[in-house]
Amino acid sequence: MEKRIKEYLAKVDALLNDMKNGGVPANDIDDIITEHLTQINFFSHERLIHLIVTALFAVLEVVALFMSLVTGNIAATVLTVAVLVLLVPYVRHYYILENSVQRMYSQYDALLQYKRSGKL
């Protein structure tokens, strides 16, 4: 997913650069905006799912940590470490999704500005 987001962001950045140089016909802008909104919806849905999963793993980590501290059981400590090992990549992935979608919003604003005024 990370590769797909980065490729799409680079594609839209290149498109915006082409618009600055007059390389995109004005009649194509509506199709470009529609496609961009569709991609924003896809990535926003992905972001929501990962927010839920990340939050659940964070709650599980707190519960496992509490259980480990209260019981002192080695199995609870192993569970705490295992959940933490899974939580870190989820937080990283969510961070990337969140920042990428925010960047897509800025790109969308630039596309609308181009549509309205003919320049960026």
C-alpha atoms as a PDB file:
ATOM      1  CA  MET A   1       0.000   0.000   0.000  1.00  0.00           C
ATOM      2  CA  GLU A   2       2.832   2.388   0.822  1.00  0.00           C
ATOM      3  CA  LYS A   3       4.348   1.936  -2.646  1.00  0.00           C
ATOM      4  CA  ARG A   4       0.972   2.552  -4.300  1.00  0.00           C
ATOM      5  CA  ILE A   5       0.404   5.753  -2.326  1.00  0.00           C
ATOM      6  CA  LYS A   6       3.865   7.107  -3.097  1.00  0.00           C
ATOM      7  CA  GLU A   7       3.486   6.332  -6.799  1.00  0.00           C
ATOM      8  CA  TYR A   8       0.077   7.994  -6.929  1.00  0.00           C
ATOM      9  CA  LEU A   9       1.299  11.098  -5.077  1.00  0.00           C
ATOM     10  CA  ALA A  10       4.250  11.368  -7.474  1.00  0.00           C
ATOM     11  CA  LYS A  11       1.885  10.988 -10.445  1.00  0.00           C
ATOM     12  CA  VAL A  12      -0.348  13.820  -9.240  1.00  0.00           C
ATOM     13  CA  ASP A  13       2.655  16.003  -8.408  1.00  0.00           C
ATOM     14  CA  ALA A  14       3.937  15.467 -11.954  1.00  0.00           C
ATOM     15  CA  LEU A  15       0.484  16.313 -13.300  1.00  0.00           C
ATOM     16  CA  LEU A  16       0.386  19.518 -11.255  1.00  0.00           C
ATOM     17  CA  ASN A  17       3.840  20.398 -12.565  1.00  0.00           C
ATOM     18  CA  ASP A  18       2.593  19.830 -16.121  1.00  0.00           C
ATOM     19  CA  MET A  19      -0.337  22.127 -15.383  1.00  0.00           C
ATOM     20  CA  LYS A  20       2.048  24.880 -14.305  1.00  0.00           C
ATOM     21  CA  ASN A  21       3.803  24.513 -17.659  1.00  0.00           C
ATOM     22  CA  GLY A  22       0.534  24.435 -19.625  1.00  0.00           C
ATOM     23  CA  GLY A  23       0.866  20.783 -20.654  1.00  0.00           C
ATOM     24  CA  VAL A  24      -2.610  19.645 -19.560  1.00  0.00           C
ATOM     25  CA  PRO A  25      -5.693  20.522 -21.621  1.00  0.00           C
ATOM     26  CA  ALA A  26      -8.340  22.424 -19.647  1.00  0.00           C
ATOM     27  CA  ASN A  27     -11.065  19.974 -20.686  1.00  0.00           C
ATOM     28  CA  ASP A  28      -9.216  17.107 -18.942  1.00  0.00           C
ATOM     29  CA  ILE A  29      -9.297  18.766 -15.520  1.00  0.00           C
ATOM     30  CA  ASP A  30     -12.763  17.471 -14.576  1.00  0.00           C
ATOM     31  CA  ASP A  31     -11.713  13.869 -15.226  1.00  0.00           C
ATOM     32  CA  ILE A  32      -8.503  14.392 -13.271  1.00  0.00           C
ATOM     33  CA  ILE A  33     -10.397  15.850 -10.306  1.00  0.00           C
ATOM     34  CA  THR A  34     -12.933  13.001 -10.366  1.00  0.00           C
ATOM     35  CA  GLU A  35     -10.159  10.388 -10.397  1.00  0.00           C
ATOM     36  CA  HIS A  36      -8.342  12.188  -7.595  1.00  0.00           C
ATOM     37  CA  LEU A  37     -11.478  12.266  -5.433  1.00  0.00           C
ATOM     38  CA  THR A  38     -11.949   8.544  -6.029  1.00  0.00           C
ATOM     39  CA  GLN A  39      -8.376   7.850  -4.933  1.00  0.00           C
ATOM     40  CA  ILE A  40      -8.832  10.064  -1.861  1.00  0.00           C
ATOM     41  CA  ASN A  41     -11.916   8.018  -0.955  1.00  0.00           C
ATOM     42  CA  PHE A  42     -10.011   4.733  -1.343  1.00  0.00           C
ATOM     43  CA  PHE A  43      -7.084   5.894   0.761  1.00  0.00           C
ATOM     44  CA  SER A  44      -9.366   7.500   3.369  1.00  0.00           C
ATOM     45  CA  HIS A  45     -11.183   4.197   3.788  1.00  0.00           C
ATOM     46  CA  GLU A  46      -7.848   2.421   4.169  1.00  0.00           C
ATOM     47  CA  ARG A  47      -6.821   5.054   6.712  1.00  0.00           C
ATOM     48  CA  LEU A  48      -9.990   4.493   8.747  1.00  0.00           C
ATOM     49  CA  ILE A  49      -9.493   0.717   8.801  1.00  0.00           C
ATOM     50  CA  HIS A  50      -5.888   1.116   9.918  1.00  0.00           C
ATOM     51  CA  LEU A  51      -6.897   3.629  12.580  1.00  0.00           C
ATOM     52  CA  ILE A  52      -9.317   1.079  14.041  1.00  0.00           C
ATOM     53  CA  VAL A  53      -6.743  -1.733  13.910  1.00  0.00           C
ATOM     54  CA  THR A  54      -4.011   0.475  15.383  1.00  0.00           C
ATOM     55  CA  ALA A  55      -6.285   1.646  18.196  1.00  0.00           C
ATOM     56  CA  LEU A  56      -7.279  -1.926  19.006  1.00  0.00           C
ATOM     57  CA  PHE A  57      -3.649  -3.027  19.097  1.00  0.00           C
ATOM     58  CA  ALA A  58      -2.820  -0.059  21.350  1.00  0.00           C
ATOM     59  CA  VAL A  59      -5.613  -1.062  23.759  1.00  0.00           C
ATOM     60  CA  LEU A  60      -4.405  -4.667  23.653  1.00  0.00           C
ATOM     61  CA  GLU A  61      -0.864  -3.468  24.413  1.00  0.00           C
ATOM     62  CA  VAL A  62      -2.046  -1.494  27.453  1.00  0.00           C
ATOM     63  CA  VAL A  63      -4.068  -4.473  28.721  1.00  0.00           C
ATOM     64  CA  ALA A  64      -1.137  -6.852  28.189  1.00  0.00           C
ATOM     65  CA  LEU A  65       1.263  -4.441  29.890  1.00  0.00           C
ATOM     66  CA  PHE A  66      -1.075  -4.050  32.856  1.00  0.00           C
ATOM     67  CA  MET A  67      -1.537  -7.818  33.057  1.00  0.00           C
ATOM     68  CA  SER A  68       2.234  -8.299  32.902  1.00  0.00           C
ATOM     69  CA  LEU A  69       2.857  -5.765  35.673  1.00  0.00           C
ATOM     70  CA  VAL A  70       0.120  -7.096  37.945  1.00  0.00           C
ATOM     71  CA  THR A  71       0.744 -10.816  37.560  1.00  0.00           C
ATOM     72  CA  GLY A  72       4.463 -10.850  36.812  1.00  0.00           C
ATOM     73  CA  ASN A  73       3.735 -13.837  34.588  1.00  0.00           C
ATOM     74  CA  ILE A  74       6.335 -14.489  31.871  1.00  0.00           C
ATOM     75  CA  ALA A  75       3.591 -15.354  29.361  1.00  0.00           C
ATOM     76  CA  ALA A  76       2.005 -11.939  29.914  1.00  0.00           C
ATOM     77  CA  THR A  77       5.395 -10.301  29.345  1.00  0.00           C
ATOM     78  CA  VAL A  78       5.879 -12.255  26.129  1.00  0.00           C
ATOM     79  CA  LEU A  79       2.392 -11.170  25.008  1.00  0.00           C
ATOM     80  CA  THR A  80       3.255  -7.548  25.801  1.00  0.00           C
ATOM     81  CA  VAL A  81       6.410  -7.702  23.706  1.00  0.00           C
ATOM     82  CA  ALA A  82       4.656  -9.535  20.852  1.00  0.00           C
ATOM     83  CA  VAL A  83       1.864  -6.973  20.671  1.00  0.00           C
ATOM     84  CA  LEU A  84       4.385  -4.129  20.796  1.00  0.00           C
ATOM     85  CA  VAL A  85       6.307  -5.683  17.906  1.00  0.00           C
ATOM     86  CA  LEU A  86       3.069  -5.667  15.889  1.00  0.00           C
ATOM     87  CA  LEU A  87       1.958  -2.234  17.073  1.00  0.00           C
ATOM     88  CA  VAL A  88       5.040  -0.358  15.878  1.00  0.00           C
ATOM     89  CA  PRO A  89       4.562  -1.185  12.153  1.00  0.00           C
ATOM     90  CA  TYR A  90       0.841  -0.409  12.426  1.00  0.00           C
ATOM     91  CA  VAL A  91       1.599   3.031  13.850  1.00  0.00           C
ATOM     92  CA  ARG A  92       4.168   3.646  11.100  1.00  0.00           C
ATOM     93  CA  HIS A  93       1.750   2.570   8.371  1.00  0.00           C
ATOM     94  CA  TYR A  94      -1.052   4.695   9.796  1.00  0.00           C
ATOM     95  CA  TYR A  95       1.313   7.671   9.979  1.00  0.00           C
ATOM     96  CA  ILE A  96       2.141   7.258   6.300  1.00  0.00           C
ATOM     97  CA  LEU A  97      -1.540   6.919   5.350  1.00  0.00           C
ATOM     98  CA  GLU A  98      -2.561   9.963   7.373  1.00  0.00           C
ATOM     99  CA  ASN A  99       0.149  12.217   5.967  1.00  0.00           C
ATOM    100  CA  SER A 100      -0.428  10.987   2.423  1.00  0.00           C
ATOM    101  CA  VAL A 101      -4.162  11.663   2.547  1.00  0.00           C
ATOM    102  CA  GLN A 102      -3.475  15.132   3.955  1.00  0.00           C
ATOM    103  CA  ARG A 103      -1.130  15.734   1.028  1.00  0.00           C
ATOM    104  CA  MET A 104      -3.837  14.524  -1.371  1.00  0.00           C
ATOM    105  CA  TYR A 105      -6.164  17.158   0.078  1.00  0.00           C
ATOM    106  CA  SER A 106      -3.580  19.827  -0.774  1.00  0.00           C
ATOM    107  CA  GLN A 107      -3.263  18.411  -4.285  1.00  0.00           C
ATOM    108  CA  TYR A 108      -7.049  18.479  -4.637  1.00  0.00           C
ATOM    109  CA  ASP A 109      -7.100  22.137  -3.572  1.00  0.00           C
ATOM    110  CA  ALA A 110      -4.451  22.899  -6.209  1.00  0.00           C
ATOM    111  CA  LEU A 111      -6.494  21.085  -8.862  1.00  0.00           C
ATOM    112  CA  LEU A 112      -9.580  23.114  -7.948  1.00  0.00           C
ATOM    113  CA  GLN A 113      -7.576  26.323  -8.027  1.00  0.00           C
ATOM    114  CA  TYR A 114      -6.317  25.418 -11.497  1.00  0.00           C
ATOM    115  CA  LYS A 115      -9.853  24.648 -12.660  1.00  0.00           C
ATOM    116  CA  ARG A 116     -11.184  27.964 -11.380  1.00  0.00           C
ATOM    117  CA  SER A 117      -8.389  30.293 -12.404  1.00  0.00           C
ATOM    118  CA  GLY A 118      -6.435  28.380 -15.036  1.00  0.00           C
ATOM    119  CA  LYS A 119      -3.209  28.656 -13.040  1.00  0.00           C
ATOM    120  CA  LEU A 120      -1.602  27.261  -9.887  1.00  0.00           C
END
